[in-house]
PDB file of N, CA and C in Angstrom:
ATOM      1  N   MET A   1      21.041   8.220  -3.803  1.00  0.00           N
ATOM      2  CA  MET A   1      19.823   7.510  -3.463  1.00  0.00           C
ATOM      3  C   MET A   1      19.889   7.025  -2.020  1.00  0.00           C
ATOM      4  N   ASN A   2      18.764   7.073  -1.361  1.00  0.00           N
ATOM      5  CA  ASN A   2      18.666   6.551  -0.016  1.00  0.00           C
ATOM      6  C   ASN A   2      17.952   5.203  -0.104  1.00  0.00           C
ATOM      7  N   LEU A   3      18.731   4.148  -0.080  1.00  0.00           N
ATOM      8  CA  LEU A   3      18.222   2.807  -0.345  1.00  0.00           C
ATOM      9  C   LEU A   3      17.243   2.334   0.726  1.00  0.00           C
ATOM     10  N   ARG A   4      17.426   2.731   1.956  1.00  0.00           N
ATOM     11  CA  ARG A   4      16.522   2.281   3.028  1.00  0.00           C
ATOM     12  C   ARG A   4      15.104   2.783   2.799  1.00  0.00           C
ATOM     13  N   ILE A   5      14.967   4.028   2.412  1.00  0.00           N
ATOM     14  CA  ILE A   5      13.634   4.586   2.174  1.00  0.00           C
ATOM     15  C   ILE A   5      12.988   3.924   0.960  1.00  0.00           C
ATOM     16  N   ILE A   6      13.774   3.631  -0.049  1.00  0.00           N
ATOM     17  CA  ILE A   6      13.250   2.965  -1.240  1.00  0.00           C
ATOM     18  C   ILE A   6      12.743   1.569  -0.891  1.00  0.00           C
ATOM     19  N   VAL A   7      13.496   0.832  -0.107  1.00  0.00           N
ATOM     20  CA  VAL A   7      13.102  -0.533   0.275  1.00  0.00           C
ATOM     21  C   VAL A   7      11.818  -0.507   1.102  1.00  0.00           C
ATOM     22  N   VAL A   8      11.722   0.411   2.041  1.00  0.00           N
ATOM     23  CA  VAL A   8      10.504   0.513   2.855  1.00  0.00           C
ATOM     24  C   VAL A   8       9.313   0.889   1.978  1.00  0.00           C
ATOM     25  N   GLY A   9       9.507   1.768   1.018  1.00  0.00           N
ATOM     26  CA  GLY A   9       8.430   2.142   0.104  1.00  0.00           C
ATOM     27  C   GLY A   9       7.944   0.965  -0.722  1.00  0.00           C
ATOM     28  N   VAL A  10       8.868   0.172  -1.221  1.00  0.00           N
ATOM     29  CA  VAL A  10       8.499  -1.008  -2.008  1.00  0.00           C
ATOM     30  C   VAL A  10       7.741  -2.011  -1.132  1.00  0.00           C
ATOM     31  N   ILE A  11       8.192  -2.185   0.105  1.00  0.00           N
ATOM     32  CA  ILE A  11       7.506  -3.092   1.025  1.00  0.00           C
ATOM     33  C   ILE A  11       6.090  -2.599   1.318  1.00  0.00           C
ATOM     34  N   LEU A  12       5.919  -1.285   1.506  1.00  0.00           N
ATOM     35  CA  LEU A  12       4.579  -0.741   1.747  1.00  0.00           C
ATOM     36  C   LEU A  12       3.650  -0.964   0.561  1.00  0.00           C
ATOM     37  N   VAL A  13       4.158  -0.787  -0.639  1.00  0.00           N
ATOM     38  CA  VAL A  13       3.334  -1.018  -1.833  1.00  0.00           C
ATOM     39  C   VAL A  13       2.942  -2.496  -1.924  1.00  0.00           C
ATOM     40  N   ALA A  14       3.886  -3.377  -1.650  1.00  0.00           N
ATOM     41  CA  ALA A  14       3.594  -4.812  -1.694  1.00  0.00           C
ATOM     42  C   ALA A  14       2.579  -5.198  -0.616  1.00  0.00           C
ATOM     43  N   LEU A  15       2.710  -4.635   0.581  1.00  0.00           N
ATOM     44  CA  LEU A  15       1.750  -4.926   1.643  1.00  0.00           C
ATOM     45  C   LEU A  15       0.358  -4.403   1.300  1.00  0.00           C
ATOM     46  N   ALA A  16       0.282  -3.237   0.676  1.00  0.00           N
ATOM     47  CA  ALA A  16      -1.019  -2.691   0.275  1.00  0.00           C
ATOM     48  C   ALA A  16      -1.690  -3.589  -0.752  1.00  0.00           C
ATOM     49  N   MET A  17      -0.927  -4.066  -1.719  1.00  0.00           N
ATOM     50  CA  MET A  17      -1.487  -4.964  -2.725  1.00  0.00           C
ATOM     51  C   MET A  17      -1.914  -6.287  -2.105  1.00  0.00           C
ATOM     52  N   ALA A  18      -1.094  -6.831  -1.211  1.00  0.00           N
ATOM     53  CA  ALA A  18      -1.431  -8.096  -0.555  1.00  0.00           C
ATOM     54  C   ALA A  18      -2.678  -7.944   0.319  1.00  0.00           C
ATOM     55  N   PHE A  19      -2.798  -6.820   1.011  1.00  0.00           N
ATOM     56  CA  PHE A  19      -3.972  -6.576   1.842  1.00  0.00           C
ATOM     57  C   PHE A  19      -5.229  -6.486   0.983  1.00  0.00           C
ATOM     58  N   PHE A  20      -5.147  -5.782  -0.135  1.00  0.00           N
ATOM     59  CA  PHE A  20      -6.305  -5.644  -1.018  1.00  0.00           C
ATOM     60  C   PHE A  20      -6.721  -6.992  -1.587  1.00  0.00           C
ATOM     61  N   ILE A  21      -5.770  -7.757  -2.057  1.00  0.00           N
ATOM     62  CA  ILE A  21      -6.079  -9.064  -2.646  1.00  0.00           C
ATOM     63  C   ILE A  21      -6.589 -10.025  -1.575  1.00  0.00           C
ATOM     64  N   GLY A  22      -5.958 -10.002  -0.406  1.00  0.00           N
ATOM     65  CA  GLY A  22      -6.393 -10.879   0.677  1.00  0.00           C
ATOM     66  C   GLY A  22      -7.795 -10.561   1.151  1.00  0.00           C
ATOM     67  N   MET A  23      -8.111  -9.300   1.276  1.00  0.00           N
ATOM     68  CA  MET A  23      -9.456  -8.922   1.727  1.00  0.00           C
ATOM     69  C   MET A  23     -10.504  -9.162   0.644  1.00  0.00           C
ATOM     70  N   SER A  24     -10.110  -9.077  -0.618  1.00  0.00           N
ATOM     71  CA  SER A  24     -11.087  -9.315  -1.680  1.00  0.00           C
ATOM     72  C   SER A  24     -11.490 -10.785  -1.752  1.00  0.00           C
ATOM     73  N   THR A  25     -10.669 -11.672  -1.215  1.00  0.00           N
ATOM     74  CA  THR A  25     -11.037 -13.091  -1.218  1.00  0.00           C
ATOM     75  C   THR A  25     -12.079 -13.404  -0.144  1.00  0.00           C
ATOM     76  N   ILE A  26     -12.129 -12.621   0.941  1.00  0.00           N
ATOM     77  CA  ILE A  26     -13.110 -12.884   1.986  1.00  0.00           C
ATOM     78  C   ILE A  26     -14.309 -11.947   1.914  1.00  0.00           C
ATOM     79  N   THR A  27     -14.346 -11.088   0.926  1.00  0.00           N
ATOM     80  CA  THR A  27     -15.457 -10.140   0.776  1.00  0.00           C
ATOM     81  C   THR A  27     -16.809 -10.827   0.557  1.00  0.00           C
ATOM     82  N   PRO A  28     -16.914 -11.888  -0.221  1.00  0.00           N
ATOM     83  CA  PRO A  28     -18.237 -12.487  -0.431  1.00  0.00           C
ATOM     84  C   PRO A  28     -18.913 -12.976   0.857  1.00  0.00           C
ATOM     85  N   ARG A  29     -18.136 -13.259   1.893  1.00  0.00           N
ATOM     86  CA  ARG A  29     -18.720 -13.732   3.148  1.00  0.00           C
ATOM     87  C   ARG A  29     -19.134 -12.588   4.068  1.00  0.00           C
ATOM     88  N   SER A  30     -18.924 -11.361   3.658  1.00  0.00           N
ATOM     89  CA  SER A  30     -19.231 -10.212   4.494  1.00  0.00           C
ATOM     90  C   SER A  30     -20.720  -9.874   4.444  1.00  0.00           C
ATOM     91  N   ASN A  31     -21.205  -9.218   5.500  1.00  0.00           N
ATOM     92  CA  ASN A  31     -22.596  -8.768   5.518  1.00  0.00           C
ATOM     93  C   ASN A  31     -22.811  -7.612   4.549  1.00  0.00           C
ATOM     94  N   ASP A  32     -21.811  -6.739   4.394  1.00  0.00           N
ATOM     95  CA  ASP A  32     -21.909  -5.589   3.496  1.00  0.00           C
ATOM     96  C   ASP A  32     -20.628  -5.508   2.663  1.00  0.00           C
ATOM     97  N   PRO A  33     -20.564  -6.283   1.573  1.00  0.00           N
ATOM     98  CA  PRO A  33     -19.324  -6.333   0.793  1.00  0.00           C
ATOM     99  C   PRO A  33     -18.935  -5.004   0.152  1.00  0.00           C
ATOM    100  N   VAL A  34     -19.901  -4.189  -0.198  1.00  0.00           N
ATOM    101  CA  VAL A  34     -19.591  -2.907  -0.840  1.00  0.00           C
ATOM    102  C   VAL A  34     -18.874  -1.985   0.143  1.00  0.00           C
ATOM    103  N   ALA A  35     -19.407  -1.872   1.338  1.00  0.00           N
ATOM    104  CA  ALA A  35     -18.777  -1.012   2.349  1.00  0.00           C
ATOM    105  C   ALA A  35     -17.404  -1.545   2.737  1.00  0.00           C
ATOM    106  N   LEU A  36     -17.277  -2.860   2.819  1.00  0.00           N
ATOM    107  CA  LEU A  36     -15.984  -3.455   3.159  1.00  0.00           C
ATOM    108  C   LEU A  36     -14.939  -3.123   2.108  1.00  0.00           C
ATOM    109  N   MET A  37     -15.291  -3.271   0.830  1.00  0.00           N
ATOM    110  CA  MET A  37     -14.311  -2.998  -0.220  1.00  0.00           C
ATOM    111  C   MET A  37     -14.018  -1.510  -0.362  1.00  0.00           C
ATOM    112  N   GLN A  38     -14.975  -0.650  -0.016  1.00  0.00           N
ATOM    113  CA  GLN A  38     -14.677   0.781  -0.019  1.00  0.00           C
ATOM    114  C   GLN A  38     -13.643   1.111   1.040  1.00  0.00           C
ATOM    115  N   THR A  39     -13.790   0.532   2.210  1.00  0.00           N
ATOM    116  CA  THR A  39     -12.826   0.763   3.288  1.00  0.00           C
ATOM    117  C   THR A  39     -11.472   0.164   2.944  1.00  0.00           C
ATOM    118  N   VAL A  40     -11.469  -1.058   2.432  1.00  0.00           N
ATOM    119  CA  VAL A  40     -10.219  -1.717   2.067  1.00  0.00           C
ATOM    120  C   VAL A  40      -9.519  -0.949   0.949  1.00  0.00           C
ATOM    121  N   GLY A  41     -10.272  -0.467  -0.019  1.00  0.00           N
ATOM    122  CA  GLY A  41      -9.682   0.301  -1.115  1.00  0.00           C
ATOM    123  C   GLY A  41      -9.079   1.611  -0.642  1.00  0.00           C
ATOM    124  N   THR A  42      -9.747   2.257   0.299  1.00  0.00           N
ATOM    125  CA  THR A  42      -9.210   3.506   0.845  1.00  0.00           C
ATOM    126  C   THR A  42      -7.910   3.263   1.586  1.00  0.00           C
ATOM    127  N   VAL A  43      -7.906   2.265   2.447  1.00  0.00           N
ATOM    128  CA  VAL A  43      -6.696   1.965   3.228  1.00  0.00           C
ATOM    129  C   VAL A  43      -5.558   1.531   2.308  1.00  0.00           C
ATOM    130  N   SER A  44      -5.852   0.658   1.366  1.00  0.00           N
ATOM    131  CA  SER A  44      -4.815   0.194   0.438  1.00  0.00           C
ATOM    132  C   SER A  44      -4.279   1.336  -0.416  1.00  0.00           C
ATOM    133  N   GLY A  45      -5.162   2.228  -0.844  1.00  0.00           N
ATOM    134  CA  GLY A  45      -4.732   3.367  -1.651  1.00  0.00           C
ATOM    135  C   GLY A  45      -3.822   4.305  -0.888  1.00  0.00           C
ATOM    136  N   VAL A  46      -4.158   4.568   0.366  1.00  0.00           N
ATOM    137  CA  VAL A  46      -3.328   5.467   1.171  1.00  0.00           C
ATOM    138  C   VAL A  46      -1.961   4.848   1.433  1.00  0.00           C
ATOM    139  N   VAL A  47      -1.936   3.581   1.809  1.00  0.00           N
ATOM    140  CA  VAL A  47      -0.650   2.927   2.092  1.00  0.00           C
ATOM    141  C   VAL A  47       0.174   2.785   0.816  1.00  0.00           C
ATOM    142  N   GLY A  48      -0.471   2.441  -0.297  1.00  0.00           N
ATOM    143  CA  GLY A  48       0.249   2.337  -1.569  1.00  0.00           C
ATOM    144  C   GLY A  48       0.805   3.667  -2.027  1.00  0.00           C
ATOM    145  N   ALA A  49       0.016   4.735  -1.879  1.00  0.00           N
ATOM    146  CA  ALA A  49       0.490   6.068  -2.271  1.00  0.00           C
ATOM    147  C   ALA A  49       1.651   6.515  -1.395  1.00  0.00           C
ATOM    148  N   LEU A  50       1.565   6.218  -0.099  1.00  0.00           N
ATOM    149  CA  LEU A  50       2.672   6.550   0.793  1.00  0.00           C
ATOM    150  C   LEU A  50       3.947   5.804   0.387  1.00  0.00           C
ATOM    151  N   GLY A  51       3.798   4.548   0.007  1.00  0.00           N
ATOM    152  CA  GLY A  51       4.951   3.779  -0.458  1.00  0.00           C
ATOM    153  C   GLY A  51       5.550   4.336  -1.733  1.00  0.00           C
ATOM    154  N   ILE A  52       4.703   4.754  -2.663  1.00  0.00           N
ATOM    155  CA  ILE A  52       5.191   5.330  -3.921  1.00  0.00           C
ATOM    156  C   ILE A  52       5.925   6.640  -3.660  1.00  0.00           C
ATOM    157  N   VAL A  53       5.374   7.462  -2.783  1.00  0.00           N
ATOM    158  CA  VAL A  53       6.034   8.729  -2.434  1.00  0.00           C
ATOM    159  C   VAL A  53       7.385   8.460  -1.780  1.00  0.00           C
ATOM    160  N   MET A  54       7.450   7.452  -0.926  1.00  0.00           N
ATOM    161  CA  MET A  54       8.734   7.127  -0.287  1.00  0.00           C
ATOM    162  C   MET A  54       9.764   6.668  -1.308  1.00  0.00           C
ATOM    163  N   VAL A  55       9.328   5.885  -2.287  1.00  0.00           N
ATOM    164  CA  VAL A  55      10.259   5.440  -3.332  1.00  0.00           C
ATOM    165  C   VAL A  55      10.765   6.638  -4.133  1.00  0.00           C
ATOM    166  N   ILE A  56       9.875   7.551  -4.482  1.00  0.00           N
ATOM    167  CA  ILE A  56      10.281   8.725  -5.275  1.00  0.00           C
ATOM    168  C   ILE A  56      11.246   9.600  -4.490  1.00  0.00           C
ATOM    169  N   PHE A  57      10.892   9.912  -3.226  1.00  0.00           N
ATOM    170  CA  PHE A  57      11.778  10.761  -2.438  1.00  0.00           C
ATOM    171  C   PHE A  57      13.093  10.053  -2.106  1.00  0.00           C
ATOM    172  N   GLY A  58      13.044   8.750  -1.925  1.00  0.00           N
ATOM    173  CA  GLY A  58      14.285   8.004  -1.682  1.00  0.00           C
ATOM    174  C   GLY A  58      15.198   8.017  -2.888  1.00  0.00           C
ATOM    175  N   ALA A  59      14.617   8.032  -4.070  1.00  0.00           N
ATOM    176  CA  ALA A  59      15.428   8.053  -5.285  1.00  0.00           C
ATOM    177  C   ALA A  59      15.982   9.445  -5.560  1.00  0.00           C
ATOM    178  N   LEU A  60      15.278  10.480  -5.124  1.00  0.00           N
ATOM    179  CA  LEU A  60      15.716  11.844  -5.409  1.00  0.00           C
ATOM    180  C   LEU A  60      16.692  12.386  -4.376  1.00  0.00           C
ATOM    181  N   ARG A  61      16.548  11.984  -3.124  1.00  0.00           N
ATOM    182  CA  ARG A  61      17.389  12.521  -2.067  1.00  0.00           C
ATOM    183  C   ARG A  61      18.735  11.800  -2.004  1.00  0.00           C
ATOM    184  N   LYS A  62      19.725  12.520  -1.579  1.00  0.00           N
ATOM    185  CA  LYS A  62      21.052  11.923  -1.433  1.00  0.00           C
ATOM    186  C   LYS A  62      21.248  11.479   0.011  1.00  0.00           C
ATOM    187  N   LYS A  63      21.962  10.386   0.165  1.00  0.00           N
ATOM    188  CA  LYS A  63      22.249   9.883   1.506  1.00  0.00           C
ATOM    189  C   LYS A  63      23.346  10.720   2.128  1.00  0.00           C
ATOM    190  N   ARG A  64      23.168  11.089   3.396  1.00  0.00           N
ATOM    191  CA  ARG A  64      24.175  11.907   4.061  1.00  0.00           C
ATOM    192  C   ARG A  64      25.247  11.088   4.693  1.00  0.00           C
TER     193      ARG A  64
END
């Protein structure tokens, strides 16, 4: 296992969740809350998926 890649992946997933939750608290004050949450959901999904992929590849690959 490559522990560094796993740790970075977990941090990315946590940051994506924190970003989504943080932005959802300020959404009601937005001029266009639907468009804001679509953008936030896209960004959070991409960063979260990247983190999950890093965790999987970190667990499968051997450290050199």
